[in-house]
N, C-alpha and C. Protein backbone atom coordinates (compact mmCIF):
# COMPACT_ATOMS: atom_id res chain seq x y z
N MET A 1 187.02 44.88 152.16
CA MET A 1 186.21 44.38 151.07
C MET A 1 186.21 45.43 149.94
N THR A 2 186.29 44.95 148.73
CA THR A 2 186.31 45.82 147.56
C THR A 2 184.94 46.42 147.31
N THR A 3 184.91 47.72 147.04
CA THR A 3 183.69 48.39 146.61
C THR A 3 183.89 48.84 145.18
N ARG A 4 182.92 48.50 144.32
CA ARG A 4 182.96 48.94 142.92
C ARG A 4 181.73 49.80 142.65
N THR A 5 181.92 50.82 141.81
CA THR A 5 180.81 51.68 141.42
C THR A 5 180.68 51.65 139.91
N ALA A 6 179.47 51.36 139.45
CA ALA A 6 179.14 51.42 138.03
C ALA A 6 178.25 52.64 137.83
N SER A 7 178.41 53.30 136.70
CA SER A 7 177.69 54.54 136.46
C SER A 7 177.13 54.59 135.05
N CYS A 8 176.03 55.32 134.91
CA CYS A 8 175.50 55.59 133.58
C CYS A 8 176.40 56.62 132.91
N THR A 9 176.13 56.93 131.66
CA THR A 9 176.96 57.87 130.92
C THR A 9 176.99 59.26 131.53
N CYS A 10 175.84 59.75 131.98
CA CYS A 10 175.79 61.12 132.51
C CYS A 10 176.11 61.19 134.00
N GLY A 11 176.15 60.05 134.71
CA GLY A 11 176.49 60.03 136.13
C GLY A 11 175.32 60.18 137.07
N GLN A 12 174.12 60.38 136.55
CA GLN A 12 172.94 60.56 137.40
C GLN A 12 172.59 59.26 138.13
N LEU A 13 172.77 58.10 137.50
CA LEU A 13 172.43 56.80 138.09
C LEU A 13 173.71 56.00 138.32
N ARG A 14 173.87 55.52 139.56
CA ARG A 14 175.04 54.73 139.91
C ARG A 14 174.61 53.56 140.78
N ILE A 15 175.44 52.54 140.79
CA ILE A 15 175.21 51.42 141.70
C ILE A 15 176.54 51.05 142.33
N GLU A 16 176.54 50.88 143.65
CA GLU A 16 177.73 50.46 144.39
C GLU A 16 177.52 49.02 144.81
N VAL A 17 178.50 48.17 144.52
CA VAL A 17 178.46 46.75 144.89
C VAL A 17 179.68 46.43 145.74
N GLN A 18 179.56 45.41 146.54
CA GLN A 18 180.63 45.00 147.45
C GLN A 18 181.19 43.64 147.04
N GLY A 19 182.49 43.46 147.25
CA GLY A 19 183.12 42.16 147.04
C GLY A 19 183.35 41.83 145.58
N GLU A 20 183.72 40.59 145.37
CA GLU A 20 184.00 40.10 144.02
C GLU A 20 182.69 39.65 143.36
N PRO A 21 182.65 39.66 142.04
CA PRO A 21 181.44 39.17 141.35
C PRO A 21 181.20 37.69 141.68
N THR A 22 179.93 37.33 141.79
CA THR A 22 179.59 35.92 142.00
C THR A 22 179.55 35.17 140.66
N GLY A 23 179.56 35.93 139.57
CA GLY A 23 179.61 35.36 138.23
C GLY A 23 179.74 36.47 137.20
N ILE A 24 180.38 36.14 136.09
CA ILE A 24 180.52 37.09 134.99
C ILE A 24 180.18 36.34 133.71
N GLY A 25 179.29 36.92 132.93
CA GLY A 25 178.88 36.23 131.71
C GLY A 25 178.54 37.17 130.59
N ILE A 26 178.42 36.58 129.42
CA ILE A 26 177.94 37.32 128.27
C ILE A 26 176.72 36.59 127.72
N CYS A 27 175.77 37.36 127.23
CA CYS A 27 174.53 36.81 126.69
C CYS A 27 174.37 37.29 125.26
N HIS A 28 174.12 36.35 124.36
CA HIS A 28 173.97 36.66 122.94
C HIS A 28 172.51 36.59 122.49
N CYS A 29 171.56 36.48 123.42
CA CYS A 29 170.16 36.39 123.02
C CYS A 29 169.76 37.67 122.27
N LEU A 30 168.76 37.55 121.44
CA LEU A 30 168.34 38.69 120.62
C LEU A 30 167.83 39.84 121.48
N ALA A 31 167.19 39.53 122.61
CA ALA A 31 166.70 40.60 123.50
C ALA A 31 167.86 41.40 124.08
N CYS A 32 168.94 40.74 124.47
CA CYS A 32 170.11 41.46 125.00
C CYS A 32 170.80 42.25 123.90
N GLN A 33 170.82 41.70 122.69
CA GLN A 33 171.41 42.44 121.58
C GLN A 33 170.62 43.73 121.33
N GLN A 34 169.30 43.63 121.34
CA GLN A 34 168.49 44.82 121.13
C GLN A 34 168.61 45.80 122.30
N ARG A 35 168.60 45.27 123.52
CA ARG A 35 168.65 46.12 124.71
C ARG A 35 169.94 46.91 124.79
N THR A 36 171.05 46.29 124.42
CA THR A 36 172.35 46.97 124.54
C THR A 36 172.76 47.70 123.27
N GLY A 37 172.17 47.32 122.13
CA GLY A 37 172.61 47.89 120.87
C GLY A 37 173.94 47.32 120.43
N SER A 38 174.36 46.23 121.03
CA SER A 38 175.61 45.55 120.72
C SER A 38 175.29 44.11 120.32
N VAL A 39 176.30 43.32 120.03
CA VAL A 39 176.05 41.94 119.62
C VAL A 39 175.97 40.98 120.81
N PHE A 40 176.23 41.47 122.01
CA PHE A 40 176.02 40.69 123.23
C PHE A 40 176.00 41.64 124.42
N ALA A 41 175.50 41.14 125.54
CA ALA A 41 175.52 41.89 126.80
C ALA A 41 176.57 41.25 127.70
N ALA A 42 177.38 42.06 128.35
CA ALA A 42 178.36 41.58 129.33
C ALA A 42 177.86 41.99 130.71
N LEU A 43 177.64 40.98 131.56
CA LEU A 43 177.02 41.22 132.86
C LEU A 43 177.83 40.58 133.98
N ALA A 44 177.88 41.25 135.12
CA ALA A 44 178.52 40.69 136.31
C ALA A 44 177.48 40.64 137.42
N SER A 45 177.40 39.51 138.08
CA SER A 45 176.46 39.33 139.19
C SER A 45 177.16 39.61 140.50
N PHE A 46 176.45 40.29 141.39
CA PHE A 46 176.96 40.59 142.71
C PHE A 46 175.90 40.25 143.75
N ALA A 47 176.37 39.80 144.92
CA ALA A 47 175.47 39.50 146.02
C ALA A 47 175.01 40.80 146.68
N ALA A 48 173.82 40.75 147.26
CA ALA A 48 173.34 41.87 148.07
C ALA A 48 174.23 41.96 149.30
N PRO A 49 174.32 43.11 149.93
CA PRO A 49 173.60 44.34 149.62
C PRO A 49 174.32 45.15 148.54
N TYR A 50 173.57 46.03 147.92
CA TYR A 50 174.11 46.98 146.96
C TYR A 50 173.36 48.28 147.16
N LYS A 51 173.94 49.37 146.68
CA LYS A 51 173.34 50.69 146.90
C LYS A 51 173.14 51.38 145.55
N VAL A 52 171.92 51.84 145.32
CA VAL A 52 171.58 52.57 144.10
C VAL A 52 171.52 54.06 144.43
N ILE A 53 172.20 54.86 143.62
CA ILE A 53 172.20 56.31 143.78
C ILE A 53 171.59 56.92 142.52
N GLY A 54 170.58 57.76 142.67
CA GLY A 54 169.91 58.36 141.53
C GLY A 54 168.59 57.67 141.24
N SER A 55 167.94 58.12 140.18
CA SER A 55 166.64 57.53 139.83
C SER A 55 166.77 56.72 138.55
N ALA A 56 165.89 55.72 138.43
CA ALA A 56 165.94 54.82 137.28
C ALA A 56 164.55 54.62 136.70
N THR A 57 164.53 54.35 135.42
CA THR A 57 163.33 53.91 134.73
C THR A 57 163.41 52.39 134.65
N GLU A 58 162.28 51.70 134.81
CA GLU A 58 162.28 50.24 134.79
C GLU A 58 161.58 49.69 133.56
N TYR A 59 162.11 48.56 133.09
CA TYR A 59 161.48 47.81 132.01
C TYR A 59 161.51 46.34 132.40
N VAL A 60 160.37 45.67 132.38
CA VAL A 60 160.27 44.27 132.77
C VAL A 60 160.20 43.42 131.51
N ARG A 61 161.07 42.41 131.45
CA ARG A 61 161.10 41.49 130.32
C ARG A 61 160.98 40.07 130.86
N THR A 62 160.14 39.27 130.22
CA THR A 62 159.99 37.87 130.60
C THR A 62 160.94 37.03 129.75
N GLY A 63 161.79 36.26 130.42
CA GLY A 63 162.76 35.41 129.74
C GLY A 63 162.12 34.14 129.19
N ASP A 64 162.88 33.39 128.44
CA ASP A 64 162.40 32.16 127.81
C ASP A 64 161.91 31.13 128.82
N GLN A 65 162.47 31.13 130.03
CA GLN A 65 162.09 30.17 131.07
C GLN A 65 160.95 30.69 131.94
N GLY A 66 160.44 31.91 131.65
CA GLY A 66 159.33 32.48 132.39
C GLY A 66 159.71 33.45 133.49
N ALA A 67 161.01 33.56 133.80
CA ALA A 67 161.44 34.51 134.83
C ALA A 67 161.25 35.94 134.33
N LYS A 68 160.92 36.83 135.26
CA LYS A 68 160.76 38.25 134.92
C LYS A 68 161.99 39.01 135.40
N PHE A 69 162.62 39.72 134.46
CA PHE A 69 163.81 40.50 134.75
C PHE A 69 163.46 41.98 134.69
N ILE A 70 163.88 42.73 135.71
CA ILE A 70 163.58 44.15 135.80
C ILE A 70 164.88 44.91 135.48
N PHE A 71 164.90 45.51 134.30
CA PHE A 71 166.06 46.27 133.84
C PHE A 71 165.90 47.72 134.26
N ARG A 72 166.99 48.32 134.76
CA ARG A 72 166.97 49.72 135.19
C ARG A 72 167.82 50.56 134.25
N PHE A 73 167.21 51.63 133.76
CA PHE A 73 167.83 52.56 132.82
C PHE A 73 167.89 53.95 133.43
N CYS A 74 168.88 54.73 133.04
CA CYS A 74 168.92 56.13 133.44
C CYS A 74 167.89 56.89 132.61
N PRO A 75 166.98 57.63 133.25
CA PRO A 75 165.97 58.38 132.50
C PRO A 75 166.55 59.60 131.77
N VAL A 76 167.78 59.97 132.08
CA VAL A 76 168.41 61.13 131.44
C VAL A 76 169.17 60.70 130.19
N CYS A 77 170.13 59.77 130.33
CA CYS A 77 170.98 59.39 129.19
C CYS A 77 170.61 58.06 128.55
N GLY A 78 169.76 57.27 129.20
CA GLY A 78 169.29 56.02 128.62
C GLY A 78 170.14 54.80 128.87
N THR A 79 171.24 54.94 129.59
CA THR A 79 172.11 53.80 129.86
C THR A 79 171.37 52.72 130.63
N ASN A 80 171.50 51.46 130.16
CA ASN A 80 170.96 50.30 130.88
C ASN A 80 172.04 49.87 131.87
N LEU A 81 171.84 50.16 133.14
CA LEU A 81 172.90 49.97 134.13
C LEU A 81 172.87 48.64 134.86
N PHE A 82 171.68 48.21 135.31
CA PHE A 82 171.62 46.96 136.08
C PHE A 82 170.24 46.35 135.99
N HIS A 83 170.16 45.09 136.46
CA HIS A 83 168.86 44.41 136.48
C HIS A 83 168.79 43.44 137.65
N THR A 84 167.57 43.13 138.03
CA THR A 84 167.31 42.11 139.04
C THR A 84 166.25 41.17 138.48
N GLU A 85 166.09 40.04 139.16
CA GLU A 85 165.06 39.09 138.78
C GLU A 85 163.92 39.20 139.78
N GLU A 86 162.70 39.31 139.27
CA GLU A 86 161.54 39.45 140.14
C GLU A 86 161.50 38.30 141.15
N GLY A 87 161.32 38.63 142.41
CA GLY A 87 161.24 37.63 143.47
C GLY A 87 162.59 37.23 144.05
N GLU A 88 163.67 37.62 143.43
CA GLU A 88 165.02 37.31 143.92
C GLU A 88 165.58 38.57 144.58
N ILE A 89 165.93 38.48 145.84
CA ILE A 89 166.43 39.66 146.56
C ILE A 89 167.91 39.54 146.91
N ASP A 90 168.54 38.46 146.48
CA ASP A 90 169.90 38.17 146.91
C ASP A 90 170.99 38.75 146.03
N GLY A 91 170.64 39.35 144.89
CA GLY A 91 171.71 39.84 144.05
C GLY A 91 171.24 40.75 142.94
N VAL A 92 172.23 41.20 142.15
CA VAL A 92 171.98 42.14 141.07
C VAL A 92 172.95 41.85 139.93
N GLY A 93 172.50 42.06 138.70
CA GLY A 93 173.36 41.95 137.53
C GLY A 93 173.69 43.35 137.04
N VAL A 94 174.97 43.64 136.87
CA VAL A 94 175.42 44.97 136.48
C VAL A 94 176.15 44.88 135.14
N ALA A 95 175.88 45.85 134.27
CA ALA A 95 176.56 45.91 132.98
C ALA A 95 178.05 46.13 133.21
N VAL A 96 178.88 45.22 132.72
CA VAL A 96 180.32 45.28 132.96
C VAL A 96 180.93 46.59 132.46
N GLY A 97 180.52 47.05 131.29
CA GLY A 97 181.07 48.28 130.73
C GLY A 97 180.83 49.50 131.59
N ALA A 98 179.80 49.47 132.42
CA ALA A 98 179.47 50.62 133.27
C ALA A 98 180.48 50.82 134.39
N PHE A 99 181.33 49.82 134.65
CA PHE A 99 182.40 50.00 135.63
C PHE A 99 183.56 50.80 135.04
N ALA A 100 183.60 50.90 133.72
CA ALA A 100 184.68 51.63 133.03
C ALA A 100 186.05 51.20 133.55
N ASP A 101 186.23 49.87 133.62
CA ASP A 101 187.46 49.30 134.18
C ASP A 101 188.00 48.24 133.22
N PRO A 102 188.98 48.57 132.39
CA PRO A 102 189.52 47.59 131.44
C PRO A 102 190.15 46.36 132.10
N SER A 103 190.44 46.44 133.40
CA SER A 103 191.03 45.29 134.09
C SER A 103 189.96 44.38 134.70
N PHE A 104 188.67 44.69 134.47
CA PHE A 104 187.59 43.85 135.01
C PHE A 104 187.78 42.42 134.47
N PRO A 105 187.54 41.41 135.30
CA PRO A 105 187.77 40.02 134.85
C PRO A 105 186.93 39.63 133.63
N ALA A 106 187.46 38.69 132.88
CA ALA A 106 186.79 38.19 131.67
C ALA A 106 185.58 37.33 132.04
N PRO A 107 184.66 37.15 131.10
CA PRO A 107 183.50 36.31 131.37
C PRO A 107 183.89 34.85 131.55
N GLU A 108 183.08 34.17 132.37
CA GLU A 108 183.26 32.74 132.61
C GLU A 108 182.25 31.93 131.80
N LEU A 109 181.11 32.56 131.50
CA LEU A 109 180.01 31.89 130.82
C LEU A 109 179.56 32.68 129.60
N SER A 110 179.09 31.96 128.61
CA SER A 110 178.48 32.56 127.42
C SER A 110 177.17 31.83 127.20
N ILE A 111 176.05 32.57 127.26
CA ILE A 111 174.76 31.92 127.05
C ILE A 111 174.12 32.40 125.75
N TYR A 112 173.22 31.60 125.27
CA TYR A 112 172.59 31.79 123.96
C TYR A 112 173.66 31.86 122.87
N ASP A 113 174.60 30.91 123.00
CA ASP A 113 175.67 30.84 122.02
C ASP A 113 175.12 30.56 120.62
N CYS A 114 173.90 30.02 120.54
CA CYS A 114 173.27 29.77 119.25
C CYS A 114 172.98 31.08 118.51
N ARG A 115 172.98 32.20 119.22
CA ARG A 115 172.73 33.52 118.62
C ARG A 115 174.02 34.35 118.48
N ARG A 116 175.14 33.76 118.88
CA ARG A 116 176.42 34.50 118.83
C ARG A 116 176.79 34.78 117.38
N HIS A 117 177.17 36.02 117.11
CA HIS A 117 177.65 36.38 115.78
C HIS A 117 178.93 35.59 115.51
N PRO A 118 179.08 35.01 114.33
CA PRO A 118 180.20 34.11 114.08
C PRO A 118 181.58 34.76 114.21
N TRP A 119 181.66 36.07 114.09
CA TRP A 119 182.95 36.74 114.21
C TRP A 119 183.33 37.07 115.65
N VAL A 120 182.41 36.82 116.63
CA VAL A 120 182.71 37.07 118.04
C VAL A 120 183.47 35.87 118.59
N GLN A 121 184.67 36.11 119.08
CA GLN A 121 185.50 35.06 119.67
C GLN A 121 185.40 35.12 121.19
N LEU A 122 185.19 33.97 121.82
CA LEU A 122 185.09 33.92 123.28
C LEU A 122 186.49 33.84 123.90
N PRO A 123 186.66 34.43 125.08
CA PRO A 123 187.94 34.30 125.78
C PRO A 123 188.22 32.82 126.09
N PRO A 124 189.48 32.42 126.09
CA PRO A 124 189.82 31.03 126.42
C PRO A 124 189.23 30.63 127.77
N GLY A 125 188.70 29.43 127.83
CA GLY A 125 188.14 28.90 129.06
C GLY A 125 186.70 29.28 129.33
N THR A 126 186.08 30.07 128.47
CA THR A 126 184.68 30.46 128.66
C THR A 126 183.78 29.26 128.38
N MET A 127 182.90 28.94 129.31
CA MET A 127 181.94 27.84 129.14
C MET A 127 180.75 28.36 128.34
N ALA A 128 180.46 27.72 127.22
CA ALA A 128 179.38 28.18 126.33
C ALA A 128 178.17 27.27 126.41
N PHE A 129 176.99 27.86 126.44
CA PHE A 129 175.72 27.14 126.44
C PHE A 129 174.90 27.59 125.24
N GLU A 130 174.29 26.67 124.54
CA GLU A 130 173.48 26.99 123.38
C GLU A 130 172.36 27.96 123.73
N LYS A 131 171.70 27.71 124.88
CA LYS A 131 170.63 28.58 125.38
C LYS A 131 170.92 28.86 126.85
N ASP A 132 169.91 29.31 127.60
CA ASP A 132 170.07 29.59 129.02
C ASP A 132 170.13 28.26 129.79
N PRO A 133 171.20 28.03 130.54
CA PRO A 133 171.33 26.73 131.23
C PRO A 133 170.44 26.55 132.44
N THR A 134 169.75 27.62 132.90
CA THR A 134 168.93 27.49 134.11
C THR A 134 167.54 27.01 133.82
């Protein structure tokens, strides 16, 4: 089984995940734009179990549908590395860029496409949703 490790910029916080992603997506919502400092967030979902190495600072954000998402940041360098959904123990969302792997698979989904900057082009075959489909 494949093991992947994502790391913050300074290396203090890491997460090890097993197997292939259960989903890969990009989110253009304004909260993700602010959180990442980019025009979208690229996230890969992985099934449990996963292993966290190092310490993290947490920030809880309530989504449009009422779900609470717990984002984990490195307290040293500030990298937003991964998040979970409150009450869900089956998986984790990891920032794709933190794997530092240019061969990482392309996103399958694009959510909050209504907030996508017009100059951002989606990869061919990406399914786009105006808002969160869940």
